[in-house]
């Protein structure tokens, strides 16, 4: 099968299902944790800008969120929320994501989160596909896995 050829370096979802169990739920919980972290970082940025950042609050939020996600994914293949939930991203070769992939993954996330139908389809895909991939994951060939013990 075509998808097996692309992902032949990743754990097989049929034979090694433990790598994929509850990942979609953990991604949702990680998203909540990451949102709280981003909110705290934005509040800190507001203080450091003497609250002038409030005039460009949405742009500030987007910038902080984007930077947070790119830097954390590039440094450990997972955001802090994902690390707390013991999941991480891997590419189609089974490797951790580097800076270019982290940037592209975050860009895909930013696009899908800004267009509600895309985000809904992405969440449905996480629960419906055998590897629990979002639209961005499918486009980039990435997957979120439970970390090995």
C-alpha atoms as a PDB file:
ATOM      1  CA  UNK A   1       0.000   0.000   0.000  1.00  0.00           C
ATOM      2  CA  UNK A   2       1.210   3.523  -0.809  1.00  0.00           C
ATOM      3  CA  UNK A   3       0.965   4.929   2.719  1.00  0.00           C
ATOM      4  CA  UNK A   4       2.961   1.994   4.090  1.00  0.00           C
ATOM      5  CA  UNK A   5       5.762   2.782   1.635  1.00  0.00           C
ATOM      6  CA  UNK A   6       5.895   6.410   2.758  1.00  0.00           C
ATOM      7  CA  UNK A   7       5.861   5.612   6.457  1.00  0.00           C
ATOM      8  CA  UNK A   8       7.904   2.409   6.436  1.00  0.00           C
ATOM      9  CA  UNK A   9      10.322   3.803   9.049  1.00  0.00           C
ATOM     10  CA  UNK A  10       7.524   4.536  11.552  1.00  0.00           C
ATOM     11  CA  UNK A  11       5.865   2.038  13.903  1.00  0.00           C
ATOM     12  CA  UNK A  12       3.135   0.065  12.167  1.00  0.00           C
ATOM     13  CA  UNK A  13      -0.274   1.092  13.549  1.00  0.00           C
ATOM     14  CA  UNK A  14      -1.536  -2.509  13.339  1.00  0.00           C
ATOM     15  CA  UNK A  15       1.396  -4.312  14.960  1.00  0.00           C
ATOM     16  CA  UNK A  16       2.660  -1.520  17.234  1.00  0.00           C
ATOM     17  CA  UNK A  17      -0.578   0.212  18.160  1.00  0.00           C
ATOM     18  CA  UNK A  18       0.768   1.372  21.533  1.00  0.00           C
ATOM     19  CA  UNK A  19       2.637   4.165  19.735  1.00  0.00           C
ATOM     20  CA  UNK A  20      -0.678   5.605  18.506  1.00  0.00           C
ATOM     21  CA  UNK A  21      -3.085   4.860  21.391  1.00  0.00           C
ATOM     22  CA  UNK A  22      -4.819   7.943  22.834  1.00  0.00           C
ATOM     23  CA  UNK A  23      -2.529  10.280  20.862  1.00  0.00           C
ATOM     24  CA  UNK A  24      -5.463  12.323  19.503  1.00  0.00           C
ATOM     25  CA  UNK A  25      -6.770  12.946  23.019  1.00  0.00           C
ATOM     26  CA  UNK A  26      -3.273  13.739  24.297  1.00  0.00           C
ATOM     27  CA  UNK A  27      -2.824  16.217  21.433  1.00  0.00           C
ATOM     28  CA  UNK A  28      -6.011  17.964  22.523  1.00  0.00           C
ATOM     29  CA  UNK A  29      -4.857  18.157  26.134  1.00  0.00           C
ATOM     30  CA  UNK A  30      -1.416  19.324  25.006  1.00  0.00           C
ATOM     31  CA  UNK A  31      -3.109  22.055  22.963  1.00  0.00           C
ATOM     32  CA  UNK A  32      -4.870  23.296  26.120  1.00  0.00           C
ATOM     33  CA  UNK A  33      -1.576  23.335  28.052  1.00  0.00           C
ATOM     34  CA  UNK A  34       0.193  25.098  25.168  1.00  0.00           C
ATOM     35  CA  UNK A  35      -2.594  27.684  24.950  1.00  0.00           C
ATOM     36  CA  UNK A  36      -2.180  28.465  28.645  1.00  0.00           C
ATOM     37  CA  UNK A  37       1.597  28.788  28.208  1.00  0.00           C
ATOM     38  CA  UNK A  38       1.138  31.088  25.201  1.00  0.00           C
ATOM     39  CA  UNK A  39      -1.366  33.198  27.179  1.00  0.00           C
ATOM     40  CA  UNK A  40       1.165  33.596  29.991  1.00  0.00           C
ATOM     41  CA  UNK A  41       3.903  34.522  27.504  1.00  0.00           C
ATOM     42  CA  UNK A  42       1.607  37.082  25.877  1.00  0.00           C
ATOM     43  CA  UNK A  43       0.790  38.614  29.267  1.00  0.00           C
ATOM     44  CA  UNK A  44       4.514  38.801  30.009  1.00  0.00           C
ATOM     45  CA  UNK A  45       5.082  40.489  26.642  1.00  0.00           C
ATOM     46  CA  UNK A  46       2.339  42.986  27.451  1.00  0.00           C
ATOM     47  CA  UNK A  47       4.104  43.905  30.692  1.00  0.00           C
ATOM     48  CA  UNK A  48       7.463  44.272  28.931  1.00  0.00           C
ATOM     49  CA  UNK A  49       5.924  46.524  26.279  1.00  0.00           C
ATOM     50  CA  UNK A  50       4.324  48.732  28.964  1.00  0.00           C
ATOM     51  CA  UNK A  51       0.965  47.430  27.699  1.00  0.00           C
ATOM     52  CA  UNK A  52       1.505  49.018  24.282  1.00  0.00           C
ATOM     53  CA  UNK A  53       1.234  45.495  22.894  1.00  0.00           C
ATOM     54  CA  UNK A  54      -2.473  45.667  23.733  1.00  0.00           C
ATOM     55  CA  UNK A  55      -2.945  47.839  20.647  1.00  0.00           C
ATOM     56  CA  UNK A  56      -1.770  44.948  18.480  1.00  0.00           C
ATOM     57  CA  UNK A  57      -2.957  42.158  20.777  1.00  0.00           C
ATOM     58  CA  UNK A  58      -4.065  39.696  18.083  1.00  0.00           C
ATOM     59  CA  UNK A  59      -0.827  40.111  16.133  1.00  0.00           C
ATOM     60  CA  UNK A  60       1.179  39.785  19.351  1.00  0.00           C
ATOM     61  CA  UNK A  61      -0.691  36.589  20.259  1.00  0.00           C
ATOM     62  CA  UNK A  62      -0.109  35.126  16.795  1.00  0.00           C
ATOM     63  CA  UNK A  63       3.586  36.013  16.844  1.00  0.00           C
ATOM     64  CA  UNK A  64       4.182  34.612  20.336  1.00  0.00           C
ATOM     65  CA  UNK A  65       2.221  31.445  19.556  1.00  0.00           C
ATOM     66  CA  UNK A  66       4.067  30.889  16.279  1.00  0.00           C
ATOM     67  CA  UNK A  67       7.485  31.480  17.849  1.00  0.00           C
ATOM     68  CA  UNK A  68       6.668  29.251  20.833  1.00  0.00           C
ATOM     69  CA  UNK A  69       5.540  26.371  18.640  1.00  0.00           C
ATOM     70  CA  UNK A  70       8.448  26.594  16.191  1.00  0.00           C
ATOM     71  CA  UNK A  71      11.130  26.824  18.887  1.00  0.00           C
ATOM     72  CA  UNK A  72       9.736  24.064  21.096  1.00  0.00           C
ATOM     73  CA  UNK A  73       9.066  21.664  18.224  1.00  0.00           C
ATOM     74  CA  UNK A  74      12.493  22.358  16.697  1.00  0.00           C
ATOM     75  CA  UNK A  75      14.269  21.812  20.017  1.00  0.00           C
ATOM     76  CA  UNK A  76      12.565  18.598  21.079  1.00  0.00           C
ATOM     77  CA  UNK A  77      10.105  17.568  18.364  1.00  0.00           C
ATOM     78  CA  UNK A  78       7.273  18.495  20.710  1.00  0.00           C
ATOM     79  CA  UNK A  79       5.765  21.535  22.381  1.00  0.00           C
ATOM     80  CA  UNK A  80       5.935  21.710  26.175  1.00  0.00           C
ATOM     81  CA  UNK A  81       2.319  20.556  26.318  1.00  0.00           C
ATOM     82  CA  UNK A  82       3.143  17.574  24.127  1.00  0.00           C
ATOM     83  CA  UNK A  83       6.132  16.732  26.312  1.00  0.00           C
ATOM     84  CA  UNK A  84       3.882  16.816  29.365  1.00  0.00           C
ATOM     85  CA  UNK A  85       1.527  14.389  27.597  1.00  0.00           C
ATOM     86  CA  UNK A  86       4.482  12.161  26.544  1.00  0.00           C
ATOM     87  CA  UNK A  87       3.993  12.528  22.788  1.00  0.00           C
ATOM     88  CA  UNK A  88       6.305  13.809  20.071  1.00  0.00           C
ATOM     89  CA  UNK A  89       6.387  14.399  16.334  1.00  0.00           C
ATOM     90  CA  UNK A  90       8.333  12.227  13.933  1.00  0.00           C
ATOM     91  CA  UNK A  91       8.789  12.639  10.190  1.00  0.00           C
ATOM     92  CA  UNK A  92       8.208   9.920   7.591  1.00  0.00           C
ATOM     93  CA  UNK A  93      11.714   8.569   8.225  1.00  0.00           C
ATOM     94  CA  UNK A  94      11.077   8.243  11.966  1.00  0.00           C
ATOM     95  CA  UNK A  95      13.337  11.210  12.734  1.00  0.00           C
ATOM     96  CA  UNK A  96      12.609  14.112  15.061  1.00  0.00           C
ATOM     97  CA  UNK A  97      11.569  17.363  13.417  1.00  0.00           C
ATOM     98  CA  UNK A  98      14.234  19.988  12.801  1.00  0.00           C
ATOM     99  CA  UNK A  99      13.787  23.739  12.413  1.00  0.00           C
ATOM    100  CA  UNK A 100      12.554  23.734   8.779  1.00  0.00           C
ATOM    101  CA  UNK A 101      10.003  21.000   9.495  1.00  0.00           C
ATOM    102  CA  UNK A 102       8.953  22.684  12.758  1.00  0.00           C
ATOM    103  CA  UNK A 103       8.406  25.929  10.847  1.00  0.00           C
ATOM    104  CA  UNK A 104       6.347  24.204   8.143  1.00  0.00           C
ATOM    105  CA  UNK A 105       4.336  22.233  10.692  1.00  0.00           C
ATOM    106  CA  UNK A 106       3.578  25.401  12.662  1.00  0.00           C
ATOM    107  CA  UNK A 107       2.666  27.241   9.463  1.00  0.00           C
ATOM    108  CA  UNK A 108       0.252  24.440   8.541  1.00  0.00           C
ATOM    109  CA  UNK A 109      -1.196  24.537  12.052  1.00  0.00           C
ATOM    110  CA  UNK A 110      -1.600  28.325  11.861  1.00  0.00           C
ATOM    111  CA  UNK A 111      -3.435  28.082   8.540  1.00  0.00           C
ATOM    112  CA  UNK A 112      -5.737  25.314   9.723  1.00  0.00           C
ATOM    113  CA  UNK A 113      -6.504  26.995  13.056  1.00  0.00           C
ATOM    114  CA  UNK A 114      -7.428  30.229  11.269  1.00  0.00           C
ATOM    115  CA  UNK A 115      -9.925  28.505   8.942  1.00  0.00           C
ATOM    116  CA  UNK A 116     -12.536  26.714  11.060  1.00  0.00           C
ATOM    117  CA  UNK A 117     -13.601  24.098   8.471  1.00  0.00           C
ATOM    118  CA  UNK A 118      -9.968  23.075   7.980  1.00  0.00           C
ATOM    119  CA  UNK A 119      -9.487  22.754  11.721  1.00  0.00           C
ATOM    120  CA  UNK A 120     -12.628  20.634  12.062  1.00  0.00           C
ATOM    121  CA  UNK A 121     -11.511  18.332   9.236  1.00  0.00           C
ATOM    122  CA  UNK A 122      -8.062  18.149  10.822  1.00  0.00           C
ATOM    123  CA  UNK A 123      -9.496  17.070  14.195  1.00  0.00           C
ATOM    124  CA  UNK A 124     -11.728  14.493  12.506  1.00  0.00           C
ATOM    125  CA  UNK A 125      -8.683  13.123  10.672  1.00  0.00           C
ATOM    126  CA  UNK A 126      -6.799  12.775  13.968  1.00  0.00           C
ATOM    127  CA  UNK A 127      -9.546  10.502  15.272  1.00  0.00           C
ATOM    128  CA  UNK A 128     -10.323   8.702  11.996  1.00  0.00           C
ATOM    129  CA  UNK A 129      -6.934   7.881  10.449  1.00  0.00           C
ATOM    130  CA  UNK A 130      -4.934   4.885  11.613  1.00  0.00           C
ATOM    131  CA  UNK A 131      -1.928   7.045  12.500  1.00  0.00           C
ATOM    132  CA  UNK A 132      -4.012   9.855  14.025  1.00  0.00           C
ATOM    133  CA  UNK A 133      -2.644  12.460  11.618  1.00  0.00           C
ATOM    134  CA  UNK A 134      -3.958  15.983  11.175  1.00  0.00           C
ATOM    135  CA  UNK A 135      -4.173  17.635   7.752  1.00  0.00           C
ATOM    136  CA  UNK A 136      -0.791  19.258   8.335  1.00  0.00           C
ATOM    137  CA  UNK A 137       0.692  15.899   9.341  1.00  0.00           C
ATOM    138  CA  UNK A 138      -0.638  14.266   6.178  1.00  0.00           C
ATOM    139  CA  UNK A 139       0.732  17.081   3.994  1.00  0.00           C
ATOM    140  CA  UNK A 140       4.197  16.954   5.607  1.00  0.00           C
ATOM    141  CA  UNK A 141       4.402  13.213   6.257  1.00  0.00           C
ATOM    142  CA  UNK A 142       4.668  13.710  10.005  1.00  0.00           C
ATOM    143  CA  UNK A 143       2.998  11.823  12.812  1.00  0.00           C
ATOM    144  CA  UNK A 144       2.547  12.281  16.558  1.00  0.00           C
ATOM    145  CA  UNK A 145       3.586   9.242  18.598  1.00  0.00           C
ATOM    146  CA  UNK A 146       3.621   8.212  22.213  1.00  0.00           C
ATOM    147  CA  UNK A 147       7.200   8.516  23.407  1.00  0.00           C
ATOM    148  CA  UNK A 148       8.998   5.303  24.187  1.00  0.00           C
ATOM    149  CA  UNK A 149       9.231   4.462  27.865  1.00  0.00           C
END
